[in-house]
Amino acid sequence: MYPLLLHSVQQKEKVIMVYIDQQDNITQRTVQVVTIKSDSILAFCYFRKEIRLFHLDQILSVGKSSGRVRYGA
């Protein structure tokens, strides 16, 4: 999981993430990771259209997504 998150930061690429939210719902989101911290990531969520904080212990899986991120588009 960590290599894909790091790749998202370095290459500015989207990833598909499956995680458990605070209400224990399993959710899938397309994100572009901005920063990786010891217990969380800061990422732009394309569903919410804003920067969000995701806790690493709530991320179930991460996969590659097609397409590069375009800023200002």
Foldseek 3Di string as FASTA:
>chain_A
DVVVLVCLQVQQFWKWWWFQDPVRDTDIWIWRWNDDDPFWTWTQTPVVRGTDIGGPVGIPDIGGDDDHDDPPD
